[in-house]
């Protein structure tokens, strides 16, 4: 908890958000309060969602994101924290490590880690067998994990019921590009540790696909690429409800500000 407080000092004291109402929706010009509507206008070109009255909008939005999507605490219906700044890439990485692991029971951790990994897979176009963390123990989620002279952004590991180690590695990118040697270095570590092999275990996520990233992936076939838009939508769908309401509200505010950062 101390680590995330030092990384995101205002998040720990952020008050519970107020309900999303009609007046909030009508402030289209205020980016921090209209990101989803702006998203649909400028990127999806789906004016049907933004042209209706609120009661109709909520139904259309529910169908767009999933039939039960809006019945739980979610990032899109959570007001964006008014911090006056956007968190950095390392701060966001530490935030994910905290929210999907710290302060959760073993069973809760299994649910959220499994949901995180499979959301990453689905957002990249993988709809095969799910990554199973059922029965796993010793689940660890670490940010800035050392690997030689480099640092893995997000390193997830666990042991299955047969005491064999498995895991998941994610390079979370916003403003920074992949550097030379990063992916091969992290692949060697994963290959030495994950008994299930490297299939669907290595991911790069960034706001927009960079040409330099595509070049890197051509020489690193075990890595898969996704983007923050797709991942956040997948993650919000059927997100397990674990932990306290206050924690869930802080987690939703954290994801909301990531959405703001990628706009």
Protein backbone atom coordinates (compact mmCIF):
# COMPACT_ATOMS: atom_id res chain seq x y z
CA UNK A 1 0.00 0.00 0.00
CA UNK A 2 2.87 2.38 0.82
CA UNK A 3 4.31 1.92 -2.66
CA UNK A 4 1.13 2.91 -4.48
CA UNK A 5 0.56 5.86 -2.14
CA UNK A 6 4.03 7.18 -2.91
CA UNK A 7 3.46 6.67 -6.64
CA UNK A 8 -0.04 8.12 -6.77
CA UNK A 9 -0.40 10.25 -3.65
CA UNK A 10 -3.81 11.67 -4.39
CA UNK A 11 -5.42 8.35 -5.33
CA UNK A 12 -5.39 7.03 -1.76
CA UNK A 13 -7.45 9.99 -0.51
CA UNK A 14 -9.70 10.33 -3.53
CA UNK A 15 -13.32 10.60 -2.29
CA UNK A 16 -16.00 8.23 -3.59
CA UNK A 17 -17.30 9.51 -6.97
CA UNK A 18 -20.75 11.01 -7.37
CA UNK A 19 -23.32 9.30 -9.62
CA UNK A 20 -23.13 10.06 -13.33
CA UNK A 21 -26.10 12.27 -14.27
CA UNK A 22 -27.62 14.03 -17.27
CA UNK A 23 -25.72 17.28 -16.76
CA UNK A 24 -22.45 15.39 -16.75
CA UNK A 25 -23.26 13.88 -20.14
CA UNK A 26 -24.10 17.22 -21.72
CA UNK A 27 -20.68 18.77 -21.05
CA UNK A 28 -19.23 17.43 -24.27
CA UNK A 29 -16.58 20.15 -24.50
CA UNK A 30 -14.97 19.16 -21.20
CA UNK A 31 -12.61 16.33 -22.07
CA UNK A 32 -12.23 15.00 -18.57
CA UNK A 33 -15.98 14.57 -18.21
CA UNK A 34 -16.94 13.29 -21.64
CA UNK A 35 -14.29 10.83 -22.73
CA UNK A 36 -16.61 8.00 -23.69
CA UNK A 37 -18.92 10.24 -25.69
CA UNK A 38 -15.95 11.87 -27.37
CA UNK A 39 -14.58 8.42 -28.13
CA UNK A 40 -17.76 7.41 -29.92
CA UNK A 41 -18.01 10.65 -31.88
CA UNK A 42 -14.42 10.95 -33.04
CA UNK A 43 -13.29 7.35 -33.33
CA UNK A 44 -16.26 5.02 -33.57
CA UNK A 45 -18.42 7.51 -35.51
CA UNK A 46 -21.35 6.00 -33.63
CA UNK A 47 -23.67 9.00 -33.18
CA UNK A 48 -26.59 6.77 -32.18
CA UNK A 49 -25.14 6.49 -28.68
CA UNK A 50 -24.71 10.23 -28.12
CA UNK A 51 -27.87 11.52 -29.80
CA UNK A 52 -30.46 10.00 -27.46
CA UNK A 53 -31.99 11.04 -24.18
CA UNK A 54 -30.19 9.69 -21.10
CA UNK A 55 -32.61 6.78 -20.53
CA UNK A 56 -32.05 5.63 -24.11
CA UNK A 57 -28.31 6.33 -24.03
CA UNK A 58 -27.82 4.07 -21.03
CA UNK A 59 -29.51 1.19 -22.89
CA UNK A 60 -27.49 1.73 -26.07
CA UNK A 61 -24.28 1.98 -24.08
CA UNK A 62 -25.12 -1.19 -22.19
CA UNK A 63 -25.51 -3.11 -25.46
CA UNK A 64 -22.30 -1.59 -26.82
CA UNK A 65 -20.18 -2.63 -23.84
CA UNK A 66 -22.03 -5.74 -22.62
CA UNK A 67 -25.52 -6.36 -21.30
CA UNK A 68 -24.53 -6.27 -17.61
CA UNK A 69 -21.72 -3.78 -18.00
CA UNK A 70 -23.29 -0.77 -16.32
CA UNK A 71 -24.63 -2.61 -13.28
CA UNK A 72 -21.25 -2.51 -11.51
CA UNK A 73 -18.56 0.01 -10.64
CA UNK A 74 -16.85 0.80 -13.92
CA UNK A 75 -14.38 3.31 -15.26
CA UNK A 76 -16.65 4.94 -17.83
CA UNK A 77 -19.29 6.04 -15.33
CA UNK A 78 -16.70 7.24 -12.81
CA UNK A 79 -15.77 10.95 -12.93
CA UNK A 80 -12.15 11.57 -13.84
CA UNK A 81 -10.03 12.65 -10.85
CA UNK A 82 -9.19 16.35 -11.05
CA UNK A 83 -5.53 16.07 -10.14
CA UNK A 84 -4.20 18.64 -12.58
CA UNK A 85 -1.80 16.08 -14.03
CA UNK A 86 -1.82 12.66 -15.66
CA UNK A 87 0.17 9.82 -14.09
CA UNK A 88 3.40 8.67 -15.68
CA UNK A 89 4.05 5.29 -17.26
CA UNK A 90 5.87 3.90 -14.14
CA UNK A 91 3.08 5.17 -11.87
CA UNK A 92 0.43 3.43 -13.97
CA UNK A 93 2.47 0.22 -13.98
CA UNK A 94 2.72 0.30 -10.19
CA UNK A 95 -0.99 1.05 -10.00
CA UNK A 96 -1.90 -2.10 -11.95
CA UNK A 97 0.40 -4.21 -9.76
CA UNK A 98 -1.31 -2.85 -6.68
CA UNK A 99 -4.94 -3.06 -7.76
CA UNK A 100 -4.88 -6.60 -9.18
CA UNK A 101 -2.95 -8.04 -6.26
CA UNK A 102 -2.32 -6.11 -3.06
CA UNK A 103 -4.91 -6.30 -0.31
CA UNK A 104 -6.84 -9.16 -1.92
CA UNK A 105 -7.42 -12.66 -0.57
CA UNK A 106 -5.96 -15.59 -2.51
CA UNK A 107 -9.31 -16.42 -4.10
CA UNK A 108 -9.93 -12.77 -5.04
CA UNK A 109 -6.44 -12.49 -6.47
CA UNK A 110 -7.01 -15.56 -8.65
CA UNK A 111 -10.20 -14.03 -10.06
CA UNK A 112 -8.71 -10.63 -10.87
CA UNK A 113 -5.37 -11.90 -12.23
CA UNK A 114 -7.18 -14.41 -14.43
CA UNK A 115 -9.50 -11.65 -15.69
CA UNK A 116 -6.54 -9.34 -16.39
CA UNK A 117 -4.61 -11.97 -18.37
CA UNK A 118 -7.59 -13.12 -20.39
CA UNK A 119 -8.70 -9.55 -21.11
CA UNK A 120 -5.23 -8.93 -22.50
CA UNK A 121 -5.57 -12.02 -24.71
CA UNK A 122 -9.05 -11.15 -25.99
CA UNK A 123 -8.07 -7.55 -26.72
CA UNK A 124 -5.31 -8.83 -28.99
CA UNK A 125 -7.75 -11.08 -30.90
CA UNK A 126 -7.11 -14.33 -29.03
CA UNK A 127 -10.32 -16.15 -28.18
CA UNK A 128 -8.91 -19.63 -27.61
CA UNK A 129 -8.68 -21.55 -24.32
CA UNK A 130 -8.57 -19.20 -21.35
CA UNK A 131 -5.50 -18.83 -19.20
CA UNK A 132 -6.46 -20.75 -16.09
CA UNK A 133 -5.34 -19.52 -12.69
CA UNK A 134 -7.89 -21.69 -10.86
CA UNK A 135 -6.28 -23.46 -7.92
CA UNK A 136 -3.11 -21.42 -8.32
CA UNK A 137 -1.16 -20.21 -5.32
CA UNK A 138 1.88 -18.02 -4.63
CA UNK A 139 0.46 -15.48 -7.09
CA UNK A 140 2.79 -12.50 -7.38
CA UNK A 141 2.32 -9.32 -9.39
CA UNK A 142 5.43 -7.16 -9.55
CA UNK A 143 6.22 -3.96 -11.39
CA UNK A 144 9.68 -3.01 -12.66
CA UNK A 145 10.92 -6.61 -12.27
CA UNK A 146 14.71 -6.82 -12.93
CA UNK A 147 15.82 -8.90 -15.90
CA UNK A 148 19.51 -8.48 -16.50
CA UNK A 149 20.18 -4.78 -16.89
CA UNK A 150 16.55 -4.10 -17.86
CA UNK A 151 13.23 -4.01 -16.03
CA UNK A 152 10.00 -5.79 -16.97
CA UNK A 153 7.03 -3.43 -16.59
CA UNK A 154 4.57 -5.99 -15.22
CA UNK A 155 5.60 -9.50 -14.19
CA UNK A 156 2.90 -11.94 -13.03
CA UNK A 157 3.74 -15.43 -11.75
CA UNK A 158 1.93 -18.26 -10.00
CA UNK A 159 2.21 -21.97 -9.19
CA UNK A 160 -0.47 -24.40 -10.28
CA UNK A 161 -1.86 -27.33 -8.32
CA UNK A 162 1.08 -29.44 -9.51
CA UNK A 163 3.53 -26.88 -8.07
CA UNK A 164 4.72 -25.85 -11.53
CA UNK A 165 5.37 -22.20 -12.21
CA UNK A 166 3.55 -20.25 -14.87
CA UNK A 167 3.19 -16.57 -15.59
CA UNK A 168 2.50 -13.57 -17.77
CA UNK A 169 4.63 -10.60 -18.86
CA UNK A 170 3.35 -7.23 -20.10
CA UNK A 171 5.25 -4.25 -21.43
CA UNK A 172 2.97 -1.26 -20.76
CA UNK A 173 3.76 1.63 -23.08
CA UNK A 174 2.47 5.20 -23.30
CA UNK A 175 5.10 7.80 -24.10
CA UNK A 176 8.10 5.50 -24.37
CA UNK A 177 9.05 3.12 -27.16
CA UNK A 178 10.50 -0.37 -26.91
CA UNK A 179 14.28 -0.30 -26.65
CA UNK A 180 16.76 -2.60 -28.33
CA UNK A 181 17.08 -5.96 -26.63
CA UNK A 182 14.07 -5.60 -24.33
CA UNK A 183 11.84 -8.30 -25.78
CA UNK A 184 14.53 -11.01 -26.30
CA UNK A 185 15.78 -10.43 -22.75
CA UNK A 186 12.34 -10.82 -21.20
CA UNK A 187 11.57 -13.82 -23.40
CA UNK A 188 14.63 -15.66 -22.09
CA UNK A 189 13.49 -15.10 -18.52
CA UNK A 190 9.96 -16.30 -19.29
CA UNK A 191 11.23 -19.38 -21.11
CA UNK A 192 13.34 -20.35 -18.12
CA UNK A 193 10.43 -19.95 -15.67
CA UNK A 194 7.07 -20.72 -17.32
CA UNK A 195 6.56 -24.47 -17.69
CA UNK A 196 3.56 -23.98 -20.01
CA UNK A 197 5.82 -22.34 -22.55
CA UNK A 198 5.49 -18.89 -24.08
CA UNK A 199 2.18 -19.27 -25.92
CA UNK A 200 -0.02 -16.25 -25.11
CA UNK A 201 2.21 -15.20 -22.22
CA UNK A 202 4.10 -12.18 -23.61
CA UNK A 203 2.34 -8.90 -24.46
CA UNK A 204 3.07 -5.33 -25.48
CA UNK A 205 0.31 -2.76 -24.97
CA UNK A 206 0.43 0.82 -26.25
CA UNK A 207 -2.06 3.60 -27.10
CA UNK A 208 -1.49 3.47 -30.87
CA UNK A 209 0.45 0.94 -32.89
CA UNK A 210 3.91 2.28 -33.65
CA UNK A 211 5.84 1.31 -36.75
CA UNK A 212 8.89 0.70 -34.56
CA UNK A 213 6.89 -1.74 -32.42
CA UNK A 214 5.76 -3.71 -35.47
CA UNK A 215 9.39 -3.96 -36.59
CA UNK A 216 10.38 -5.28 -33.16
CA UNK A 217 7.58 -7.86 -33.16
CA UNK A 218 8.59 -9.19 -36.57
CA UNK A 219 11.79 -10.38 -34.92
CA UNK A 220 10.09 -11.50 -31.72
CA UNK A 221 7.35 -13.88 -32.79
CA UNK A 222 6.33 -14.97 -29.28
CA UNK A 223 5.11 -11.49 -28.38
CA UNK A 224 1.61 -10.24 -29.05
CA UNK A 225 0.45 -6.63 -29.46
CA UNK A 226 -2.69 -4.94 -28.20
CA UNK A 227 -3.82 -1.36 -27.50
CA UNK A 228 -5.22 0.37 -24.45
CA UNK A 229 -8.63 1.08 -26.02
CA UNK A 230 -9.33 -2.59 -26.69
CA UNK A 231 -7.88 -3.83 -23.42
CA UNK A 232 -9.80 -1.41 -21.20
CA UNK A 233 -13.10 -2.31 -22.90
CA UNK A 234 -12.41 -6.01 -22.42
CA UNK A 235 -11.31 -5.50 -18.83
CA UNK A 236 -14.50 -3.61 -17.90
CA UNK A 237 -16.71 -6.44 -19.15
CA UNK A 238 -17.61 -8.87 -16.38
CA UNK A 239 -14.94 -7.52 -14.05
CA UNK A 240 -15.10 -9.60 -10.83
CA UNK A 241 -16.39 -7.69 -7.83
CA UNK A 242 -13.78 -8.21 -5.12
CA UNK A 243 -12.57 -6.18 -2.17
CA UNK A 244 -14.37 -3.27 -0.52
CA UNK A 245 -16.60 -0.76 -2.28
CA UNK A 246 -14.10 2.00 -1.50
CA UNK A 247 -11.27 0.01 -3.08
CA UNK A 248 -13.39 -0.70 -6.17
CA UNK A 249 -14.17 3.01 -6.51
CA UNK A 250 -10.48 3.89 -6.35
CA UNK A 251 -9.68 1.18 -8.90
CA UNK A 252 -12.38 2.53 -11.24
CA UNK A 253 -10.96 6.07 -10.88
CA UNK A 254 -7.51 4.69 -11.69
CA UNK A 255 -8.75 3.05 -14.89
CA UNK A 256 -10.72 6.17 -15.80
CA UNK A 257 -7.62 8.35 -15.70
CA UNK A 258 -5.80 5.84 -17.93
CA UNK A 259 -8.63 6.29 -20.44
CA UNK A 260 -8.12 10.05 -20.19
CA UNK A 261 -4.40 9.64 -20.80
CA UNK A 262 -4.85 7.77 -24.08
CA UNK A 263 -7.32 10.24 -25.61
